[in-house]
Full PDB file with SEQRES, HELIX, SHEET, SSBOND, CRYST1, ORIGX, SCALE, CONECT and MASTER records, all heavy atoms in Angstrom:
SEQRES   1 A   34  TYR ARG GLU PHE ILE GLN SER GLN LEU LEU LYS MET PRO          
SEQRES   2 A   34  ARG LEU THR VAL ILE GLU GLY SER VAL GLU ASP LEU ILE          
SEQRES   3 A   34  VAL SER ALA ALA ASP SER GLY LYS                              
HELIX    1 AA1 ARG A    2  LEU A    9  1                                   8    
CRYST1    1.000    1.000    1.000  90.00  90.00  90.00 P 1           1          
ORIGX1      1.000000  0.000000  0.000000        0.00000                         
ORIGX2      0.000000  1.000000  0.000000        0.00000                         
ORIGX3      0.000000  0.000000  1.000000        0.00000                         
SCALE1      1.000000  0.000000  0.000000        0.00000                         
SCALE2      0.000000  1.000000  0.000000        0.00000                         
SCALE3      0.000000  0.000000  1.000000        0.00000                         
ATOM      1  N   TYR A   1     -55.509-109.712  32.764  1.00  0.00           N  
ATOM      2  CA  TYR A   1     -56.606-109.263  33.629  1.00  0.00           C  
ATOM      3  C   TYR A   1     -57.608-110.399  33.837  1.00  0.00           C  
ATOM      4  O   TYR A   1     -58.023-110.693  34.958  1.00  0.00           O  
ATOM      5  CB  TYR A   1     -57.302-108.044  33.011  1.00  0.00           C  
ATOM      6  CG  TYR A   1     -58.300-107.380  33.940  1.00  0.00           C  
ATOM      7  CD1 TYR A   1     -57.904-106.370  34.803  1.00  0.00           C  
ATOM      8  CD2 TYR A   1     -59.624-107.789  33.969  1.00  0.00           C  
ATOM      9  CE1 TYR A   1     -58.799-105.760  35.670  1.00  0.00           C  
ATOM     10  CE2 TYR A   1     -60.535-107.197  34.838  1.00  0.00           C  
ATOM     11  CZ  TYR A   1     -60.115-106.180  35.681  1.00  0.00           C  
ATOM     12  OH  TYR A   1     -61.029-105.604  36.548  1.00  0.00           O  
ATOM     13  N   ARG A   2     -57.998-111.024  32.738  1.00  0.00           N  
ATOM     14  CA  ARG A   2     -58.944-112.131  32.812  1.00  0.00           C  
ATOM     15  C   ARG A   2     -58.379-113.278  33.651  1.00  0.00           C  
ATOM     16  O   ARG A   2     -59.077-113.884  34.465  1.00  0.00           O  
ATOM     17  CB  ARG A   2     -59.285-112.596  31.396  1.00  0.00           C  
ATOM     18  CG  ARG A   2     -60.419-113.588  31.293  1.00  0.00           C  
ATOM     19  CD  ARG A   2     -60.840-113.809  29.858  1.00  0.00           C  
ATOM     20  NE  ARG A   2     -59.742-114.331  29.046  1.00  0.00           N  
ATOM     21  CZ  ARG A   2     -59.200-113.677  28.018  1.00  0.00           C  
ATOM     22  NH1 ARG A   2     -59.642-112.473  27.675  1.00  0.00           N  
ATOM     23  NH2 ARG A   2     -58.223-114.221  27.317  1.00  0.00           N  
ATOM     24  N   GLU A   3     -57.101-113.557  33.452  1.00  0.00           N  
ATOM     25  CA  GLU A   3     -56.432-114.628  34.198  1.00  0.00           C  
ATOM     26  C   GLU A   3     -56.478-114.372  35.701  1.00  0.00           C  
ATOM     27  O   GLU A   3     -56.753-115.283  36.499  1.00  0.00           O  
ATOM     28  CB  GLU A   3     -54.982-114.735  33.722  1.00  0.00           C  
ATOM     29  CG  GLU A   3     -54.117-115.711  34.497  1.00  0.00           C  
ATOM     30  CD  GLU A   3     -52.657-115.592  34.106  1.00  0.00           C  
ATOM     31  OE1 GLU A   3     -52.365-115.215  32.949  1.00  0.00           O  
ATOM     32  OE2 GLU A   3     -51.789-115.867  34.969  1.00  0.00           O  
ATOM     33  N   PHE A   4     -56.224-113.131  36.110  1.00  0.00           N  
ATOM     34  CA  PHE A   4     -56.211-112.818  37.540  1.00  0.00           C  
ATOM     35  C   PHE A   4     -57.598-112.974  38.144  1.00  0.00           C  
ATOM     36  O   PHE A   4     -57.758-113.601  39.207  1.00  0.00           O  
ATOM     37  CB  PHE A   4     -55.706-111.393  37.767  1.00  0.00           C  
ATOM     38  CG  PHE A   4     -55.598-111.032  39.223  1.00  0.00           C  
ATOM     39  CD1 PHE A   4     -54.419-111.252  39.915  1.00  0.00           C  
ATOM     40  CD2 PHE A   4     -56.675-110.487  39.915  1.00  0.00           C  
ATOM     41  CE1 PHE A   4     -54.313-110.928  41.267  1.00  0.00           C  
ATOM     42  CE2 PHE A   4     -56.586-110.166  41.261  1.00  0.00           C  
ATOM     43  CZ  PHE A   4     -55.398-110.387  41.935  1.00  0.00           C  
ATOM     44  N   ILE A   5     -58.621-112.409  37.506  1.00  0.00           N  
ATOM     45  CA  ILE A   5     -59.979-112.480  38.042  1.00  0.00           C  
ATOM     46  C   ILE A   5     -60.418-113.935  38.174  1.00  0.00           C  
ATOM     47  O   ILE A   5     -60.968-114.351  39.209  1.00  0.00           O  
ATOM     48  CB  ILE A   5     -60.965-111.704  37.146  1.00  0.00           C  
ATOM     49  CG1 ILE A   5     -60.632-110.196  37.159  1.00  0.00           C  
ATOM     50  CG2 ILE A   5     -62.402-111.943  37.599  1.00  0.00           C  
ATOM     51  CD1 ILE A   5     -60.859-109.512  38.482  1.00  0.00           C  
ATOM     52  N   GLN A   6     -60.173-114.736  37.143  1.00  0.00           N  
ATOM     53  CA  GLN A   6     -60.578-116.138  37.192  1.00  0.00           C  
ATOM     54  C   GLN A   6     -59.836-116.897  38.282  1.00  0.00           C  
ATOM     55  O   GLN A   6     -60.431-117.697  39.016  1.00  0.00           O  
ATOM     56  CB  GLN A   6     -60.350-116.788  35.829  1.00  0.00           C  
ATOM     57  CG  GLN A   6     -61.276-116.267  34.742  1.00  0.00           C  
ATOM     58  CD  GLN A   6     -60.958-116.829  33.370  1.00  0.00           C  
ATOM     59  OE1 GLN A   6     -60.120-117.723  33.232  1.00  0.00           O  
ATOM     60  NE2 GLN A   6     -61.615-116.311  32.348  1.00  0.00           N  
ATOM     61  N   SER A   7     -58.541-116.647  38.410  1.00  0.00           N  
ATOM     62  CA  SER A   7     -57.760-117.367  39.417  1.00  0.00           C  
ATOM     63  C   SER A   7     -58.241-117.058  40.828  1.00  0.00           C  
ATOM     64  O   SER A   7     -58.240-117.932  41.699  1.00  0.00           O  
ATOM     65  CB  SER A   7     -56.274-117.024  39.280  1.00  0.00           C  
ATOM     66  OG  SER A   7     -56.025-115.669  39.641  1.00  0.00           O  
ATOM     67  N   GLN A   8     -58.664-115.820  41.059  1.00  0.00           N  
ATOM     68  CA  GLN A   8     -59.160-115.440  42.381  1.00  0.00           C  
ATOM     69  C   GLN A   8     -60.530-116.054  42.657  1.00  0.00           C  
ATOM     70  O   GLN A   8     -60.782-116.597  43.742  1.00  0.00           O  
ATOM     71  CB  GLN A   8     -59.233-113.915  42.502  1.00  0.00           C  
ATOM     72  CG  GLN A   8     -57.895-113.212  42.436  1.00  0.00           C  
ATOM     73  CD  GLN A   8     -56.988-113.589  43.580  1.00  0.00           C  
ATOM     74  OE1 GLN A   8     -57.342-113.455  44.751  1.00  0.00           O  
ATOM     75  NE2 GLN A   8     -55.808-114.089  43.249  1.00  0.00           N  
ATOM     76  N   LEU A   9     -61.424-115.968  41.687  1.00  0.00           N  
ATOM     77  CA  LEU A   9     -62.787-116.466  41.889  1.00  0.00           C  
ATOM     78  C   LEU A   9     -62.828-117.976  42.090  1.00  0.00           C  
ATOM     79  O   LEU A   9     -63.530-118.488  42.969  1.00  0.00           O  
ATOM     80  CB  LEU A   9     -63.674-116.092  40.705  1.00  0.00           C  
ATOM     81  CG  LEU A   9     -64.192-114.660  40.628  1.00  0.00           C  
ATOM     82  CD1 LEU A   9     -65.032-114.485  39.377  1.00  0.00           C  
ATOM     83  CD2 LEU A   9     -65.015-114.304  41.859  1.00  0.00           C  
ATOM     84  N   LEU A  10     -62.087-118.701  41.253  1.00  0.00           N  
ATOM     85  CA  LEU A  10     -62.216-120.160  41.247  1.00  0.00           C  
ATOM     86  C   LEU A  10     -61.590-120.830  42.456  1.00  0.00           C  
ATOM     87  O   LEU A  10     -61.741-122.041  42.638  1.00  0.00           O  
ATOM     88  CB  LEU A  10     -61.620-120.720  39.960  1.00  0.00           C  
ATOM     89  CG  LEU A  10     -62.314-120.257  38.667  1.00  0.00           C  
ATOM     90  CD1 LEU A  10     -61.706-120.955  37.464  1.00  0.00           C  
ATOM     91  CD2 LEU A  10     -63.812-120.490  38.730  1.00  0.00           C  
ATOM     92  N   LYS A  11     -60.912-120.067  43.300  1.00  0.00           N  
ATOM     93  CA  LYS A  11     -60.356-120.656  44.524  1.00  0.00           C  
ATOM     94  C   LYS A  11     -61.039-120.121  45.788  1.00  0.00           C  
ATOM     95  O   LYS A  11     -60.628-120.454  46.893  1.00  0.00           O  
ATOM     96  CB  LYS A  11     -58.850-120.399  44.592  1.00  0.00           C  
ATOM     97  CG  LYS A  11     -58.451-118.943  44.799  1.00  0.00           C  
ATOM     98  CD  LYS A  11     -56.937-118.792  44.809  1.00  0.00           C  
ATOM     99  CE  LYS A  11     -56.519-117.347  45.053  1.00  0.00           C  
ATOM    100  NZ  LYS A  11     -55.044-117.172  44.996  1.00  0.00           N  
ATOM    101  N   MET A  12     -62.089-119.320  45.615  1.00  0.00           N  
ATOM    102  CA  MET A  12     -62.752-118.740  46.779  1.00  0.00           C  
ATOM    103  C   MET A  12     -63.603-119.775  47.506  1.00  0.00           C  
ATOM    104  O   MET A  12     -64.359-120.511  46.874  1.00  0.00           O  
ATOM    105  CB  MET A  12     -63.649-117.562  46.364  1.00  0.00           C  
ATOM    106  CG  MET A  12     -62.898-116.288  46.112  1.00  0.00           C  
ATOM    107  SD  MET A  12     -64.015-114.901  45.803  1.00  0.00           S  
ATOM    108  CE  MET A  12     -62.826-113.574  45.691  1.00  0.00           C  
ATOM    109  N   PRO A  13     -63.497-119.833  48.814  1.00  0.00           N  
ATOM    110  CA  PRO A  13     -64.407-120.705  49.569  1.00  0.00           C  
ATOM    111  C   PRO A  13     -65.833-120.170  49.481  1.00  0.00           C  
ATOM    112  O   PRO A  13     -66.054-118.971  49.322  1.00  0.00           O  
ATOM    113  CB  PRO A  13     -63.865-120.614  50.998  1.00  0.00           C  
ATOM    114  CG  PRO A  13     -63.147-119.294  51.055  1.00  0.00           C  
ATOM    115  CD  PRO A  13     -62.576-119.077  49.681  1.00  0.00           C  
ATOM    116  N   ARG A  14     -66.792-121.062  49.550  1.00  0.00           N  
ATOM    117  CA  ARG A  14     -68.225-120.737  49.524  1.00  0.00           C  
ATOM    118  C   ARG A  14     -68.703-120.228  48.163  1.00  0.00           C  
ATOM    119  O   ARG A  14     -69.814-119.732  48.060  1.00  0.00           O  
ATOM    120  CB  ARG A  14     -68.596-119.710  50.608  1.00  0.00           C  
ATOM    121  CG  ARG A  14     -68.388-120.192  52.024  1.00  0.00           C  
ATOM    122  CD  ARG A  14     -68.888-119.198  53.041  1.00  0.00           C  
ATOM    123  NE  ARG A  14     -68.192-117.937  52.962  1.00  0.00           N  
ATOM    124  CZ  ARG A  14     -67.043-117.689  53.597  1.00  0.00           C  
ATOM    125  NH1 ARG A  14     -66.478-118.620  54.338  1.00  0.00           N  
ATOM    126  NH2 ARG A  14     -66.460-116.521  53.486  1.00  0.00           N  
ATOM    127  N   LEU A  15     -67.868-120.326  47.108  1.00  0.00           N  
ATOM    128  CA  LEU A  15     -68.287-119.852  45.790  1.00  0.00           C  
ATOM    129  C   LEU A  15     -68.246-120.991  44.774  1.00  0.00           C  
ATOM    130  O   LEU A  15     -67.219-121.649  44.592  1.00  0.00           O  
ATOM    131  CB  LEU A  15     -67.392-118.711  45.310  1.00  0.00           C  
ATOM    132  CG  LEU A  15     -67.702-118.172  43.898  1.00  0.00           C  
ATOM    133  CD1 LEU A  15     -69.121-117.617  43.831  1.00  0.00           C  
ATOM    134  CD2 LEU A  15     -66.699-117.110  43.480  1.00  0.00           C  
ATOM    135  N   THR A  16     -69.370-121.196  44.099  1.00  0.00           N  
ATOM    136  CA  THR A  16     -69.477-122.146  42.998  1.00  0.00           C  
ATOM    137  C   THR A  16     -69.718-121.367  41.715  1.00  0.00           C  
ATOM    138  O   THR A  16     -70.490-120.405  41.712  1.00  0.00           O  
ATOM    139  CB  THR A  16     -70.649-123.122  43.236  1.00  0.00           C  
ATOM    140  OG1 THR A  16     -70.443-123.814  44.472  1.00  0.00           O  
ATOM    141  CG2 THR A  16     -70.752-124.137  42.103  1.00  0.00           C  
ATOM    142  N   VAL A  17     -69.064-121.775  40.631  1.00  0.00           N  
ATOM    143  CA  VAL A  17     -69.216-121.108  39.339  1.00  0.00           C  
ATOM    144  C   VAL A  17     -69.665-122.137  38.309  1.00  0.00           C  
ATOM    145  O   VAL A  17     -69.062-123.214  38.201  1.00  0.00           O  
ATOM    146  CB  VAL A  17     -67.893-120.459  38.885  1.00  0.00           C  
ATOM    147  CG1 VAL A  17     -68.097-119.703  37.570  1.00  0.00           C  
ATOM    148  CG2 VAL A  17     -67.349-119.523  39.958  1.00  0.00           C  
ATOM    149  N   ILE A  18     -70.731-121.842  37.560  1.00  0.00           N  
ATOM    150  CA  ILE A  18     -71.177-122.737  36.497  1.00  0.00           C  
ATOM    151  C   ILE A  18     -71.464-121.935  35.227  1.00  0.00           C  
ATOM    152  O   ILE A  18     -71.705-120.731  35.275  1.00  0.00           O  
ATOM    153  CB  ILE A  18     -72.444-123.534  36.876  1.00  0.00           C  
ATOM    154  CG1 ILE A  18     -73.642-122.584  37.063  1.00  0.00           C  
ATOM    155  CG2 ILE A  18     -72.210-124.383  38.098  1.00  0.00           C  
ATOM    156  CD1 ILE A  18     -74.980-123.286  37.056  1.00  0.00           C  
ATOM    157  N   GLU A  19     -71.431-122.649  34.115  1.00  0.00           N  
ATOM    158  CA  GLU A  19     -71.887-122.073  32.859  1.00  0.00           C  
ATOM    159  C   GLU A  19     -73.384-122.311  32.720  1.00  0.00           C  
ATOM    160  O   GLU A  19     -73.897-123.357  33.103  1.00  0.00           O  
ATOM    161  CB  GLU A  19     -71.168-122.718  31.678  1.00  0.00           C  
ATOM    162  CG  GLU A  19     -69.798-122.169  31.433  1.00  0.00           C  
ATOM    163  CD  GLU A  19     -69.213-122.691  30.134  1.00  0.00           C  
ATOM    164  OE1 GLU A  19     -69.809-123.603  29.537  1.00  0.00           O  
ATOM    165  OE2 GLU A  19     -68.160-122.179  29.723  1.00  0.00           O  
ATOM    166  N   GLY A  20     -74.066-121.341  32.140  1.00  0.00           N  
ATOM    167  CA  GLY A  20     -75.487-121.508  31.905  1.00  0.00           C  
ATOM    168  C   GLY A  20     -76.131-120.178  31.601  1.00  0.00           C  
ATOM    169  O   GLY A  20     -75.496-119.119  31.678  1.00  0.00           O  
ATOM    170  N   SER A  21     -77.394-120.235  31.246  1.00  0.00           N  
ATOM    171  CA  SER A  21     -78.161-119.030  30.951  1.00  0.00           C  
ATOM    172  C   SER A  21     -79.430-119.049  31.776  1.00  0.00           C  
ATOM    173  O   SER A  21     -80.141-120.065  31.822  1.00  0.00           O  
ATOM    174  CB  SER A  21     -78.500-118.973  29.457  1.00  0.00           C  
ATOM    175  OG  SER A  21     -79.191-117.786  29.144  1.00  0.00           O  
ATOM    176  N   VAL A  22     -79.696-117.945  32.462  1.00  0.00           N  
ATOM    177  CA  VAL A  22     -80.897-117.844  33.293  1.00  0.00           C  
ATOM    178  C   VAL A  22     -82.078-117.420  32.422  1.00  0.00           C  
ATOM    179  O   VAL A  22     -82.037-116.356  31.801  1.00  0.00           O  
ATOM    180  CB  VAL A  22     -80.686-116.847  34.455  1.00  0.00           C  
ATOM    181  CG1 VAL A  22     -81.991-116.594  35.201  1.00  0.00           C  
ATOM    182  CG2 VAL A  22     -79.624-117.383  35.408  1.00  0.00           C  
ATOM    183  N   GLU A  23     -83.091-118.257  32.378  1.00  0.00           N  
ATOM    184  CA  GLU A  23     -84.267-118.002  31.560  1.00  0.00           C  
ATOM    185  C   GLU A  23     -85.272-117.113  32.280  1.00  0.00           C  
ATOM    186  O   GLU A  23     -85.933-116.279  31.679  1.00  0.00           O  
ATOM    187  CB  GLU A  23     -84.934-119.324  31.180  1.00  0.00           C  
ATOM    188  CG  GLU A  23     -86.290-119.201  30.493  1.00  0.00           C  
ATOM    189  CD  GLU A  23     -86.191-118.591  29.111  1.00  0.00           C  
ATOM    190  OE1 GLU A  23     -85.154-118.765  28.452  1.00  0.00           O  
ATOM    191  OE2 GLU A  23     -87.155-117.922  28.700  1.00  0.00           O  
ATOM    192  N   ASP A  24     -85.376-117.294  33.611  1.00  0.00           N  
ATOM    193  CA  ASP A  24     -86.441-116.607  34.337  1.00  0.00           C  
ATOM    194  C   ASP A  24     -86.109-116.586  35.816  1.00  0.00           C  
ATOM    195  O   ASP A  24     -85.195-117.278  36.285  1.00  0.00           O  
ATOM    196  CB  ASP A  24     -87.772-117.345  34.103  1.00  0.00           C  
ATOM    197  CG  ASP A  24     -88.980-116.437  34.270  1.00  0.00           C  
ATOM    198  OD1 ASP A  24     -88.798-115.277  34.698  1.00  0.00           O  
ATOM    199  OD2 ASP A  24     -90.096-116.888  33.956  1.00  0.00           O  
ATOM    200  N   LEU A  25     -86.860-115.781  36.552  1.00  0.00           N  
ATOM    201  CA  LEU A  25     -86.766-115.733  38.004  1.00  0.00           C  
ATOM    202  C   LEU A  25     -87.892-116.559  38.615  1.00  0.00           C  
ATOM    203  O   LEU A  25     -88.997-116.628  38.059  1.00  0.00           O  
ATOM    204  CB  LEU A  25     -86.873-114.294  38.505  1.00  0.00           C  
ATOM    205  CG  LEU A  25     -85.784-113.323  38.044  1.00  0.00           C  
ATOM    206  CD1 LEU A  25     -86.149-111.898  38.431  1.00  0.00           C  
ATOM    207  CD2 LEU A  25     -84.437-113.700  38.640  1.00  0.00           C  
ATOM    208  N   ILE A  26     -87.609-117.182  39.741  1.00  0.00           N  
ATOM    209  CA  ILE A  26     -88.659-117.863  40.504  1.00  0.00           C  
ATOM    210  C   ILE A  26     -89.178-116.865  41.526  1.00  0.00           C  
ATOM    211  O   ILE A  26     -88.427-116.373  42.370  1.00  0.00           O  
ATOM    212  CB  ILE A  26     -88.115-119.116  41.198  1.00  0.00           C  
ATOM    213  CG1 ILE A  26     -87.462-120.055  40.179  1.00  0.00           C  
ATOM    214  CG2 ILE A  26     -89.231-119.838  41.934  1.00  0.00           C  
ATOM    215  CD1 ILE A  26     -86.739-121.227  40.813  1.00  0.00           C  
ATOM    216  N   VAL A  27     -90.457-116.543  41.426  1.00  0.00           N  
ATOM    217  CA  VAL A  27     -91.036-115.473  42.237  1.00  0.00           C  
ATOM    218  C   VAL A  27     -92.237-116.005  43.000  1.00  0.00           C  
ATOM    219  O   VAL A  27     -93.059-116.762  42.461  1.00  0.00           O  
ATOM    220  CB  VAL A  27     -91.474-114.287  41.353  1.00  0.00           C  
ATOM    221  CG1 VAL A  27     -92.061-113.168  42.195  1.00  0.00           C  
ATOM    222  CG2 VAL A  27     -90.294-113.769  40.537  1.00  0.00           C  
ATOM    223  N   SER A  28     -92.349-115.604  44.256  1.00  0.00           N  
ATOM    224  CA  SER A  28     -93.519-115.944  45.066  1.00  0.00           C  
ATOM    225  C   SER A  28     -93.994-114.699  45.785  1.00  0.00           C  
ATOM    226  O   SER A  28     -93.312-113.670  45.799  1.00  0.00           O  
ATOM    227  CB  SER A  28     -93.168-117.048  46.070  1.00  0.00           C  
ATOM    228  OG  SER A  28     -92.182-116.590  46.979  1.00  0.00           O  
ATOM    229  N   ALA A  29     -95.147-114.786  46.392  1.00  0.00           N  
ATOM    230  CA  ALA A  29     -95.697-113.648  47.135  1.00  0.00           C  
ATOM    231  C   ALA A  29     -95.126-113.643  48.544  1.00  0.00           C  
ATOM    232  O   ALA A  29     -95.089-114.680  49.215  1.00  0.00           O  
ATOM    233  CB  ALA A  29     -97.213-113.727  47.181  1.00  0.00           C  
ATOM    234  N   ALA A  30     -94.646-112.491  48.993  1.00  0.00           N  
ATOM    235  CA  ALA A  30     -94.120-112.353  50.349  1.00  0.00           C  
ATOM    236  C   ALA A  30     -95.242-111.989  51.310  1.00  0.00           C  
ATOM    237  O   ALA A  30     -96.349-111.629  50.904  1.00  0.00           O  
ATOM    238  CB  ALA A  30     -93.029-111.285  50.375  1.00  0.00           C  
ATOM    239  N   ASP A  31     -94.955-112.068  52.617  1.00  0.00           N  
ATOM    240  CA  ASP A  31     -95.967-111.747  53.635  1.00  0.00           C  
ATOM    241  C   ASP A  31     -96.435-110.304  53.526  1.00  0.00           C  
ATOM    242  O   ASP A  31     -97.581-109.986  53.826  1.00  0.00           O  
ATOM    243  CB  ASP A  31     -95.383-111.996  55.030  1.00  0.00           C  
ATOM    244  CG  ASP A  31     -95.033-113.463  55.253  1.00  0.00           C  
ATOM    245  OD1 ASP A  31     -95.633-114.313  54.554  1.00  0.00           O  
ATOM    246  OD2 ASP A  31     -94.177-113.749  56.104  1.00  0.00           O  
ATOM    247  N   SER A  32     -95.560-109.430  53.083  1.00  0.00           N  
ATOM    248  CA  SER A  32     -95.894-108.010  52.985  1.00  0.00           C  
ATOM    249  C   SER A  32     -96.761-107.696  51.774  1.00  0.00           C  
ATOM    250  O   SER A  32     -97.196-106.566  51.596  1.00  0.00           O  
ATOM    251  CB  SER A  32     -94.604-107.190  52.897  1.00  0.00           C  
ATOM    252  OG  SER A  32     -93.876-107.554  51.734  1.00  0.00           O  
ATOM    253  N   GLY A  33     -97.007-108.690  50.934  1.00  0.00           N  
ATOM    254  CA  GLY A  33     -97.760-108.445  49.712  1.00  0.00           C  
ATOM    255  C   GLY A  33     -96.860-108.172  48.527  1.00  0.00           C  
ATOM    256  O   GLY A  33     -97.306-108.164  47.385  1.00  0.00           O  
ATOM    257  N   LYS A  34     -95.577-107.953  48.765  1.00  0.00           N  
ATOM    258  CA  LYS A  34     -94.616-107.744  47.686  1.00  0.00           C  
ATOM    259  C   LYS A  34     -94.227-109.088  47.077  1.00  0.00           C  
ATOM    260  O   LYS A  34     -94.501-110.150  47.621  1.00  0.00           O  
ATOM    261  CB  LYS A  34     -93.358-107.043  48.211  1.00  0.00           C  
ATOM    262  CG  LYS A  34     -93.563-105.631  48.697  1.00  0.00           C  
ATOM    263  CD  LYS A  34     -92.231-105.054  49.140  1.00  0.00           C  
ATOM    264  CE  LYS A  34     -92.368-103.610  49.605  1.00  0.00           C  
ATOM    265  NZ  LYS A  34     -91.062-103.041  50.020  1.00  0.00           N  
TER     266      LYS A  34                                                      
MASTER        0    0    0    1    0    0    0    6  265    1    0    3          
END                                                                             
């Protein structure tokens, strides 16, 4: 199962895969105030 999912993802156009851990989100104020 793991082999199939990886083989499909790693050959998809427009998709990049990296290892890493997301520490935080980058957030700004939108025009709507949100």
